[in-house]
Amino acid sequence: MNEKEVYQDRGMKKSFMKSTNYINYSVKLLENLTIQNIMYYQFKLEKTAHYRILWDGNLSFQGTDWLSFYINCHYQYNISEIKNSYFEVTNGLGFNF
């Protein structure tokens, strides 16, 4: 894939080719409990030492026909011109009308 990044703090614009690879799976542990994970590994073709790892995970519990509870996790790890990473957790209730 061709990607363009704009670095706001430096005013730089770069365009380059990246390889994006991912695994996506979902497992129903119990009748009302599901885990889903998507894992990405992305690297620049010109600089394979510059890469990004991303993980999106979801745990959902179906309480009744109309009510569910979920927890989402997102993790990103970058090694490039700018090294950074972050982890985010969200949760909530789902209502089915």
PDB file of N, CA and C in Angstrom:
ATOM      1  N   MET A   1       0.841  -1.164   0.000  1.00  0.00           N
ATOM      2  CA  MET A   1       0.000   0.000   0.000  1.00  0.00           C
ATOM      3  C   MET A   1       0.892   1.233   0.000  1.00  0.00           C
ATOM      4  N   ASN A   2       0.466   2.248  -0.678  1.00  0.00           N
ATOM      5  CA  ASN A   2       1.179   3.528  -0.677  1.00  0.00           C
ATOM      6  C   ASN A   2       0.565   4.407   0.403  1.00  0.00           C
ATOM      7  N   GLU A   3       1.396   5.003   1.238  1.00  0.00           N
ATOM      8  CA  GLU A   3       0.894   5.809   2.350  1.00  0.00           C
ATOM      9  C   GLU A   3       1.629   7.138   2.408  1.00  0.00           C
ATOM     10  N   LYS A   4       0.902   8.173   2.772  1.00  0.00           N
ATOM     11  CA  LYS A   4       1.492   9.499   2.951  1.00  0.00           C
ATOM     12  C   LYS A   4       1.313   9.899   4.404  1.00  0.00           C
ATOM     13  N   GLU A   5       2.394  10.327   5.045  1.00  0.00           N
ATOM     14  CA  GLU A   5       2.337  10.796   6.420  1.00  0.00           C
ATOM     15  C   GLU A   5       2.755  12.256   6.460  1.00  0.00           C
ATOM     16  N   VAL A   6       2.043  13.020   7.261  1.00  0.00           N
ATOM     17  CA  VAL A   6       2.368  14.424   7.468  1.00  0.00           C
ATOM     18  C   VAL A   6       2.736  14.583   8.935  1.00  0.00           C
ATOM     19  N   TYR A   7       3.966  15.022   9.186  1.00  0.00           N
ATOM     20  CA  TYR A   7       4.440  15.243  10.545  1.00  0.00           C
ATOM     21  C   TYR A   7       4.210  16.712  10.890  1.00  0.00           C
ATOM     22  N   GLN A   8       3.221  16.962  11.735  1.00  0.00           N
ATOM     23  CA  GLN A   8       2.823  18.335  12.024  1.00  0.00           C
ATOM     24  C   GLN A   8       3.899  19.111  12.767  1.00  0.00           C
ATOM     25  N   ASP A   9       4.614  18.455  13.670  1.00  0.00           N
ATOM     26  CA  ASP A   9       5.596  19.196  14.454  1.00  0.00           C
ATOM     27  C   ASP A   9       6.829  19.566  13.639  1.00  0.00           C
ATOM     28  N   ARG A  10       7.063  18.893  12.530  1.00  0.00           N
ATOM     29  CA  ARG A  10       8.235  19.181  11.700  1.00  0.00           C
ATOM     30  C   ARG A  10       7.867  19.787  10.349  1.00  0.00           C
ATOM     31  N   GLY A  11       6.585  19.767   9.999  1.00  0.00           N
ATOM     32  CA  GLY A  11       6.160  20.287   8.715  1.00  0.00           C
ATOM     33  C   GLY A  11       6.597  19.421   7.542  1.00  0.00           C
ATOM     34  N   MET A  12       6.934  18.161   7.799  1.00  0.00           N
ATOM     35  CA  MET A  12       7.423  17.259   6.748  1.00  0.00           C
ATOM     36  C   MET A  12       6.275  16.443   6.169  1.00  0.00           C
ATOM     37  N   LYS A  13       6.391  16.147   4.887  1.00  0.00           N
ATOM     38  CA  LYS A  13       5.463  15.242   4.224  1.00  0.00           C
ATOM     39  C   LYS A  13       6.289  14.158   3.560  1.00  0.00           C
ATOM     40  N   LYS A  14       5.893  12.887   3.776  1.00  0.00           N
ATOM     41  CA  LYS A  14       6.608  11.770   3.181  1.00  0.00           C
ATOM     42  C   LYS A  14       5.612  10.802   2.574  1.00  0.00           C
ATOM     43  N   SER A  15       5.996  10.217   1.472  1.00  0.00           N
ATOM     44  CA  SER A  15       5.192   9.207   0.812  1.00  0.00           C
ATOM     45  C   SER A  15       6.072   7.979   0.621  1.00  0.00           C
ATOM     46  N   PHE A  16       5.537   6.793   0.929  1.00  0.00           N
ATOM     47  CA  PHE A  16       6.334   5.575   0.841  1.00  0.00           C
ATOM     48  C   PHE A  16       5.418   4.365   0.736  1.00  0.00           C
ATOM     49  N   MET A  17       6.012   3.225   0.410  1.00  0.00           N
ATOM     50  CA  MET A  17       5.280   1.966   0.306  1.00  0.00           C
ATOM     51  C   MET A  17       5.404   1.209   1.626  1.00  0.00           C
ATOM     52  N   LYS A  18       4.292   0.572   2.039  1.00  0.00           N
ATOM     53  CA  LYS A  18       4.268  -0.222   3.260  1.00  0.00           C
ATOM     54  C   LYS A  18       3.665  -1.589   2.963  1.00  0.00           C
ATOM     55  N   SER A  19       4.109  -2.573   3.727  1.00  0.00           N
ATOM     56  CA  SER A  19       3.496  -3.889   3.709  1.00  0.00           C
ATOM     57  C   SER A  19       2.650  -4.013   4.962  1.00  0.00           C
ATOM     58  N   THR A  20       1.381  -4.375   4.802  1.00  0.00           N
ATOM     59  CA  THR A  20       0.477  -4.530   5.935  1.00  0.00           C
ATOM     60  C   THR A  20       0.015  -5.976   6.000  1.00  0.00           C
ATOM     61  N   ASN A  21       0.216  -6.606   7.150  1.00  0.00           N
ATOM     62  CA  ASN A  21      -0.144  -8.005   7.370  1.00  0.00           C
ATOM     63  C   ASN A  21      -0.987  -8.083   8.639  1.00  0.00           C
ATOM     64  N   TYR A  22      -2.006  -8.919   8.633  1.00  0.00           N
ATOM     65  CA  TYR A  22      -2.834  -8.993   9.826  1.00  0.00           C
ATOM     66  C   TYR A  22      -3.440 -10.376  10.011  1.00  0.00           C
ATOM     67  N   ILE A  23      -3.808 -10.643  11.261  1.00  0.00           N
ATOM     68  CA  ILE A  23      -4.531 -11.856  11.653  1.00  0.00           C
ATOM     69  C   ILE A  23      -5.810 -11.389  12.335  1.00  0.00           C
ATOM     70  N   ASN A  24      -6.920 -11.977  11.944  1.00  0.00           N
ATOM     71  CA  ASN A  24      -8.216 -11.623  12.501  1.00  0.00           C
ATOM     72  C   ASN A  24      -8.910 -12.916  12.910  1.00  0.00           C
ATOM     73  N   TYR A  25      -9.291 -13.010  14.168  1.00  0.00           N
ATOM     74  CA  TYR A  25     -10.024 -14.196  14.578  1.00  0.00           C
ATOM     75  C   TYR A  25     -11.023 -13.851  15.685  1.00  0.00           C
ATOM     76  N   SER A  26     -12.034 -14.695  15.781  1.00  0.00           N
ATOM     77  CA  SER A  26     -13.078 -14.538  16.785  1.00  0.00           C
ATOM     78  C   SER A  26     -13.359 -15.910  17.382  1.00  0.00           C
ATOM     79  N   VAL A  27     -13.475 -15.973  18.709  1.00  0.00           N
ATOM     80  CA  VAL A  27     -13.720 -17.226  19.408  1.00  0.00           C
ATOM     81  C   VAL A  27     -14.917 -17.038  20.327  1.00  0.00           C
ATOM     82  N   LYS A  28     -15.871 -17.920  20.199  1.00  0.00           N
ATOM     83  CA  LYS A  28     -17.028 -17.899  21.101  1.00  0.00           C
ATOM     84  C   LYS A  28     -16.715 -18.869  22.237  1.00  0.00           C
ATOM     85  N   LEU A  29     -16.308 -18.325  23.403  1.00  0.00           N
ATOM     86  CA  LEU A  29     -15.901 -19.154  24.531  1.00  0.00           C
ATOM     87  C   LEU A  29     -17.085 -19.872  25.174  1.00  0.00           C
ATOM     88  N   LEU A  30     -18.148 -19.148  25.363  1.00  0.00           N
ATOM     89  CA  LEU A  30     -19.395 -19.685  25.905  1.00  0.00           C
ATOM     90  C   LEU A  30     -20.524 -19.220  24.996  1.00  0.00           C
ATOM     91  N   GLU A  31     -21.725 -19.647  25.274  1.00  0.00           N
ATOM     92  CA  GLU A  31     -22.861 -19.245  24.442  1.00  0.00           C
ATOM     93  C   GLU A  31     -23.034 -17.730  24.401  1.00  0.00           C
ATOM     94  N   ASN A  32     -22.656 -17.036  25.497  1.00  0.00           N
ATOM     95  CA  ASN A  32     -22.870 -15.594  25.572  1.00  0.00           C
ATOM     96  C   ASN A  32     -21.575 -14.794  25.739  1.00  0.00           C
ATOM     97  N   LEU A  33     -20.396 -15.402  25.512  1.00  0.00           N
ATOM     98  CA  LEU A  33     -19.107 -14.723  25.705  1.00  0.00           C
ATOM     99  C   LEU A  33     -18.235 -14.907  24.462  1.00  0.00           C
ATOM    100  N   THR A  34     -17.829 -13.791  23.847  1.00  0.00           N
ATOM    101  CA  THR A  34     -17.052 -13.819  22.603  1.00  0.00           C
ATOM    102  C   THR A  34     -15.804 -12.958  22.744  1.00  0.00           C
ATOM    103  N   ILE A  35     -14.695 -13.462  22.212  1.00  0.00           N
ATOM    104  CA  ILE A  35     -13.445 -12.703  22.144  1.00  0.00           C
ATOM    105  C   ILE A  35     -13.076 -12.554  20.679  1.00  0.00           C
ATOM    106  N   GLN A  36     -12.731 -11.324  20.294  1.00  0.00           N
ATOM    107  CA  GLN A  36     -12.279 -11.062  18.928  1.00  0.00           C
ATOM    108  C   GLN A  36     -10.970 -10.294  18.993  1.00  0.00           C
ATOM    109  N   ASN A  37      -9.992 -10.690  18.190  1.00  0.00           N
ATOM    110  CA  ASN A  37      -8.693 -10.022  18.130  1.00  0.00           C
ATOM    111  C   ASN A  37      -8.301  -9.773  16.683  1.00  0.00           C
ATOM    112  N   ILE A  38      -7.721  -8.611  16.442  1.00  0.00           N
ATOM    113  CA  ILE A  38      -7.121  -8.275  15.154  1.00  0.00           C
ATOM    114  C   ILE A  38      -5.727  -7.760  15.461  1.00  0.00           C
ATOM    115  N   MET A  39      -4.720  -8.391  14.870  1.00  0.00           N
ATOM    116  CA  MET A  39      -3.333  -7.990  15.076  1.00  0.00           C
ATOM    117  C   MET A  39      -2.702  -7.633  13.739  1.00  0.00           C
ATOM    118  N   TYR A  40      -2.059  -6.462  13.680  1.00  0.00           N
ATOM    119  CA  TYR A  40      -1.434  -5.958  12.467  1.00  0.00           C
ATOM    120  C   TYR A  40       0.077  -5.849  12.664  1.00  0.00           C
ATOM    121  N   TYR A  41       0.792  -6.113  11.597  1.00  0.00           N
ATOM    122  CA  TYR A  41       2.224  -5.830  11.555  1.00  0.00           C
ATOM    123  C   TYR A  41       2.460  -5.096  10.239  1.00  0.00           C
ATOM    124  N   GLN A  42       2.951  -3.880  10.324  1.00  0.00           N
ATOM    125  CA  GLN A  42       3.122  -3.033   9.145  1.00  0.00           C
ATOM    126  C   GLN A  42       4.545  -2.494   9.141  1.00  0.00           C
ATOM    127  N   PHE A  43       5.208  -2.573   7.977  1.00  0.00           N
ATOM    128  CA  PHE A  43       6.572  -2.049   7.887  1.00  0.00           C
ATOM    129  C   PHE A  43       6.788  -1.358   6.547  1.00  0.00           C
ATOM    130  N   LYS A  44       7.752  -0.429   6.542  1.00  0.00           N
ATOM    131  CA  LYS A  44       8.115   0.287   5.323  1.00  0.00           C
ATOM    132  C   LYS A  44       9.012  -0.610   4.484  1.00  0.00           C
ATOM    133  N   LEU A  45       8.773  -0.657   3.188  1.00  0.00           N
ATOM    134  CA  LEU A  45       9.592  -1.489   2.310  1.00  0.00           C
ATOM    135  C   LEU A  45      11.014  -0.952   2.195  1.00  0.00           C
ATOM    136  N   GLU A  46      11.180   0.371   2.247  1.00  0.00           N
ATOM    137  CA  GLU A  46      12.516   0.963   2.132  1.00  0.00           C
ATOM    138  C   GLU A  46      13.319   0.819   3.417  1.00  0.00           C
ATOM    139  N   LYS A  47      12.619   0.807   4.569  1.00  0.00           N
ATOM    140  CA  LYS A  47      13.280   0.723   5.868  1.00  0.00           C
ATOM    141  C   LYS A  47      12.524  -0.290   6.718  1.00  0.00           C
ATOM    142  N   THR A  48      12.888  -1.560   6.611  1.00  0.00           N
ATOM    143  CA  THR A  48      12.145  -2.594   7.336  1.00  0.00           C
ATOM    144  C   THR A  48      12.293  -2.464   8.851  1.00  0.00           C
ATOM    145  N   ALA A  49      13.294  -1.717   9.320  1.00  0.00           N
ATOM    146  CA  ALA A  49      13.452  -1.499  10.763  1.00  0.00           C
ATOM    147  C   ALA A  49      12.406  -0.518  11.296  1.00  0.00           C
ATOM    148  N   HIS A  50      11.707   0.187  10.403  1.00  0.00           N
ATOM    149  CA  HIS A  50      10.618   1.086  10.798  1.00  0.00           C
ATOM    150  C   HIS A  50       9.314   0.306  10.650  1.00  0.00           C
ATOM    151  N   TYR A  51       8.704  -0.011  11.759  1.00  0.00           N
ATOM    152  CA  TYR A  51       7.493  -0.824  11.716  1.00  0.00           C
ATOM    153  C   TYR A  51       6.481  -0.351  12.743  1.00  0.00           C
ATOM    154  N   ARG A  52       5.281  -0.908  12.616  1.00  0.00           N
ATOM    155  CA  ARG A  52       4.165  -0.581  13.497  1.00  0.00           C
ATOM    156  C   ARG A  52       3.451  -1.883  13.837  1.00  0.00           C
ATOM    157  N   ILE A  53       3.139  -2.046  15.101  1.00  0.00           N
ATOM    158  CA  ILE A  53       2.353  -3.188  15.558  1.00  0.00           C
ATOM    159  C   ILE A  53       1.076  -2.635  16.180  1.00  0.00           C
ATOM    160  N   LEU A  54      -0.058  -3.171  15.770  1.00  0.00           N
ATOM    161  CA  LEU A  54      -1.340  -2.741  16.318  1.00  0.00           C
ATOM    162  C   LEU A  54      -2.123  -3.962  16.773  1.00  0.00           C
ATOM    163  N   TRP A  55      -2.862  -3.793  17.859  1.00  0.00           N
ATOM    164  CA  TRP A  55      -3.731  -4.852  18.356  1.00  0.00           C
ATOM    165  C   TRP A  55      -5.063  -4.240  18.738  1.00  0.00           C
ATOM    166  N   ASP A  56      -6.141  -4.803  18.209  1.00  0.00           N
ATOM    167  CA  ASP A  56      -7.494  -4.439  18.597  1.00  0.00           C
ATOM    168  C   ASP A  56      -8.151  -5.682  19.167  1.00  0.00           C
ATOM    169  N   GLY A  57      -8.567  -5.617  20.418  1.00  0.00           N
ATOM    170  CA  GLY A  57      -9.213  -6.745  21.070  1.00  0.00           C
ATOM    171  C   GLY A  57     -10.576  -6.353  21.592  1.00  0.00           C
ATOM    172  N   ASN A  58     -11.485  -7.306  21.587  1.00  0.00           N
ATOM    173  CA  ASN A  58     -12.844  -7.055  22.047  1.00  0.00           C
ATOM    174  C   ASN A  58     -13.331  -8.270  22.822  1.00  0.00           C
ATOM    175  N   LEU A  59     -13.864  -8.026  23.992  1.00  0.00           N
ATOM    176  CA  LEU A  59     -14.514  -9.058  24.797  1.00  0.00           C
ATOM    177  C   LEU A  59     -15.960  -8.627  24.961  1.00  0.00           C
ATOM    178  N   SER A  60     -16.900  -9.447  24.514  1.00  0.00           N
ATOM    179  CA  SER A  60     -18.311  -9.071  24.621  1.00  0.00           C
ATOM    180  C   SER A  60     -19.102 -10.166  25.335  1.00  0.00           C
ATOM    181  N   PHE A  61     -19.997  -9.717  26.175  1.00  0.00           N
ATOM    182  CA  PHE A  61     -20.854 -10.601  26.959  1.00  0.00           C
ATOM    183  C   PHE A  61     -22.303 -10.250  26.651  1.00  0.00           C
ATOM    184  N   GLN A  62     -23.051 -11.210  26.122  1.00  0.00           N
ATOM    185  CA  GLN A  62     -24.460 -11.009  25.789  1.00  0.00           C
ATOM    186  C   GLN A  62     -25.282 -11.425  27.005  1.00  0.00           C
ATOM    187  N   GLY A  63     -25.782 -10.432  27.780  1.00  0.00           N
ATOM    188  CA  GLY A  63     -26.529 -10.721  29.000  1.00  0.00           C
ATOM    189  C   GLY A  63     -27.932 -11.231  28.724  1.00  0.00           C
ATOM    190  N   THR A  64     -28.653 -10.525  27.878  1.00  0.00           N
ATOM    191  CA  THR A  64     -30.013 -10.913  27.479  1.00  0.00           C
ATOM    192  C   THR A  64     -30.120 -10.700  25.972  1.00  0.00           C
ATOM    193  N   ASP A  65     -31.303 -10.913  25.423  1.00  0.00           N
ATOM    194  CA  ASP A  65     -31.510 -10.675  23.992  1.00  0.00           C
ATOM    195  C   ASP A  65     -31.306  -9.209  23.627  1.00  0.00           C
ATOM    196  N   TRP A  66     -31.510  -8.313  24.567  1.00  0.00           N
ATOM    197  CA  TRP A  66     -31.458  -6.878  24.257  1.00  0.00           C
ATOM    198  C   TRP A  66     -30.311  -6.135  24.927  1.00  0.00           C
ATOM    199  N   LEU A  67     -29.546  -6.779  25.838  1.00  0.00           N
ATOM    200  CA  LEU A  67     -28.494  -6.090  26.577  1.00  0.00           C
ATOM    201  C   LEU A  67     -27.170  -6.850  26.483  1.00  0.00           C
ATOM    202  N   SER A  68     -26.105  -6.117  26.182  1.00  0.00           N
ATOM    203  CA  SER A  68     -24.769  -6.714  26.141  1.00  0.00           C
ATOM    204  C   SER A  68     -23.774  -5.762  26.794  1.00  0.00           C
ATOM    205  N   PHE A  69     -22.635  -6.303  27.205  1.00  0.00           N
ATOM    206  CA  PHE A  69     -21.553  -5.547  27.805  1.00  0.00           C
ATOM    207  C   PHE A  69     -20.292  -5.855  27.019  1.00  0.00           C
ATOM    208  N   TYR A  70     -19.457  -4.842  26.785  1.00  0.00           N
ATOM    209  CA  TYR A  70     -18.237  -5.083  26.026  1.00  0.00           C
ATOM    210  C   TYR A  70     -17.060  -4.307  26.604  1.00  0.00           C
ATOM    211  N   ILE A  71     -15.875  -4.833  26.355  1.00  0.00           N
ATOM    212  CA  ILE A  71     -14.608  -4.182  26.686  1.00  0.00           C
ATOM    213  C   ILE A  71     -13.758  -4.222  25.421  1.00  0.00           C
ATOM    214  N   ASN A  72     -13.260  -3.069  25.007  1.00  0.00           N
ATOM    215  CA  ASN A  72     -12.381  -2.971  23.839  1.00  0.00           C
ATOM    216  C   ASN A  72     -10.999  -2.516  24.278  1.00  0.00           C
ATOM    217  N   CYS A  73      -9.965  -3.095  23.688  1.00  0.00           N
ATOM    218  CA  CYS A  73      -8.583  -2.694  23.944  1.00  0.00           C
ATOM    219  C   CYS A  73      -7.919  -2.376  22.608  1.00  0.00           C
ATOM    220  N   HIS A  74      -7.114  -1.330  22.606  1.00  0.00           N
ATOM    221  CA  HIS A  74      -6.360  -0.954  21.410  1.00  0.00           C
ATOM    222  C   HIS A  74      -4.940  -0.622  21.838  1.00  0.00           C
ATOM    223  N   TYR A  75      -3.969  -1.251  21.185  1.00  0.00           N
ATOM    224  CA  TYR A  75      -2.559  -0.993  21.484  1.00  0.00           C
ATOM    225  C   TYR A  75      -1.835  -0.705  20.180  1.00  0.00           C
ATOM    226  N   GLN A  76      -0.983   0.308  20.195  1.00  0.00           N
ATOM    227  CA  GLN A  76      -0.183   0.643  19.012  1.00  0.00           C
ATOM    228  C   GLN A  76       1.252   0.894  19.449  1.00  0.00           C
ATOM    229  N   TYR A  77       2.195   0.306  18.716  1.00  0.00           N
ATOM    230  CA  TYR A  77       3.620   0.460  18.987  1.00  0.00           C
ATOM    231  C   TYR A  77       4.308   0.823  17.678  1.00  0.00           C
ATOM    232  N   ASN A  78       5.013   1.958  17.647  1.00  0.00           N
ATOM    233  CA  ASN A  78       5.677   2.444  16.435  1.00  0.00           C
ATOM    234  C   ASN A  78       7.180   2.539  16.638  1.00  0.00           C
ATOM    235  N   ILE A  79       7.916   2.104  15.645  1.00  0.00           N
ATOM    236  CA  ILE A  79       9.355   2.360  15.559  1.00  0.00           C
ATOM    237  C   ILE A  79       9.565   2.995  14.189  1.00  0.00           C
ATOM    238  N   SER A  80       9.791   4.300  14.166  1.00  0.00           N
ATOM    239  CA  SER A  80      10.027   5.025  12.912  1.00  0.00           C
ATOM    240  C   SER A  80      10.803   6.284  13.248  1.00  0.00           C
ATOM    241  N   GLU A  81      10.605   7.340  12.445  1.00  0.00           N
ATOM    242  CA  GLU A  81      11.259   8.605  12.756  1.00  0.00           C
ATOM    243  C   GLU A  81      10.850   9.098  14.142  1.00  0.00           C
ATOM    244  N   ILE A  82       9.617   8.819  14.496  1.00  0.00           N
ATOM    245  CA  ILE A  82       9.087   9.193  15.802  1.00  0.00           C
ATOM    246  C   ILE A  82       8.689   7.898  16.513  1.00  0.00           C
ATOM    247  N   LYS A  83       9.295   7.598  17.651  1.00  0.00           N
ATOM    248  CA  LYS A  83       8.973   6.379  18.405  1.00  0.00           C
ATOM    249  C   LYS A  83       7.873   6.709  19.402  1.00  0.00           C
ATOM    250  N   ASN A  84       6.781   5.981  19.317  1.00  0.00           N
ATOM    251  CA  ASN A  84       5.701   6.194  20.278  1.00  0.00           C
ATOM    252  C   ASN A  84       4.853   4.940  20.395  1.00  0.00           C
ATOM    253  N   SER A  85       4.082   4.885  21.443  1.00  0.00           N
ATOM    254  CA  SER A  85       3.130   3.797  21.631  1.00  0.00           C
ATOM    255  C   SER A  85       2.026   4.293  22.558  1.00  0.00           C
ATOM    256  N   TYR A  86       0.894   3.599  22.514  1.00  0.00           N
ATOM    257  CA  TYR A  86      -0.184   3.921  23.441  1.00  0.00           C
ATOM    258  C   TYR A  86      -1.091   2.717  23.608  1.00  0.00           C
ATOM    259  N   PHE A  87      -1.826   2.716  24.709  1.00  0.00           N
ATOM    260  CA  PHE A  87      -2.761   1.650  25.048  1.00  0.00           C
ATOM    261  C   PHE A  87      -4.069   2.312  25.465  1.00  0.00           C
ATOM    262  N   GLU A  88      -5.173   1.826  24.934  1.00  0.00           N
ATOM    263  CA  GLU A  88      -6.478   2.434  25.208  1.00  0.00           C
ATOM    264  C   GLU A  88      -7.480   1.336  25.545  1.00  0.00           C
ATOM    265  N   VAL A  89      -8.258   1.539  26.586  1.00  0.00           N
ATOM    266  CA  VAL A  89      -9.308   0.604  26.985  1.00  0.00           C
ATOM    267  C   VAL A  89     -10.617   1.368  27.061  1.00  0.00           C
ATOM    268  N   THR A  90     -11.640   0.822  26.428  1.00  0.00           N
ATOM    269  CA  THR A  90     -12.981   1.404  26.513  1.00  0.00           C
ATOM    270  C   THR A  90     -13.957   0.286  26.881  1.00  0.00           C
ATOM    271  N   ASN A  91     -15.089   0.659  27.468  1.00  0.00           N
ATOM    272  CA  ASN A  91     -16.114  -0.327  27.759  1.00  0.00           C
ATOM    273  C   ASN A  91     -17.474   0.326  27.621  1.00  0.00           C
ATOM    274  N   GLY A  92     -18.482  -0.488  27.600  1.00  0.00           N
ATOM    275  CA  GLY A  92     -19.818   0.080  27.474  1.00  0.00           C
ATOM    276  C   GLY A  92     -20.906  -0.975  27.463  1.00  0.00           C
ATOM    277  N   LEU A  93     -22.116  -0.490  27.337  1.00  0.00           N
ATOM    278  CA  LEU A  93     -23.290  -1.329  27.246  1.00  0.00           C
ATOM    279  C   LEU A  93     -23.863  -1.239  25.847  1.00  0.00           C
ATOM    280  N   GLY A  94     -24.384  -2.328  25.347  1.00  0.00           N
ATOM    281  CA  GLY A  94     -25.058  -2.355  24.056  1.00  0.00           C
ATOM    282  C   GLY A  94     -26.535  -2.690  24.241  1.00  0.00           C
ATOM    283  N   PHE A  95     -27.385  -1.957  23.551  1.00  0.00           N
ATOM    284  CA  PHE A  95     -28.829  -2.187  23.617  1.00  0.00           C
ATOM    285  C   PHE A  95     -29.319  -2.558  22.231  1.00  0.00           C
ATOM    286  N   ASN A  96     -30.049  -3.638  22.117  1.00  0.00           N
ATOM    287  CA  ASN A  96     -30.606  -4.090  20.845  1.00  0.00           C
ATOM    288  C   ASN A  96     -32.116  -3.876  20.884  1.00  0.00           C
ATOM    289  N   PHE A  97     -32.598  -2.968  20.025  1.00  0.00           N
ATOM    290  CA  PHE A  97     -34.028  -2.663  19.987  1.00  0.00           C
ATOM    291  C   PHE A  97     -34.726  -3.435  18.908  1.00  0.00           C
TER     292      PHE A  97
END
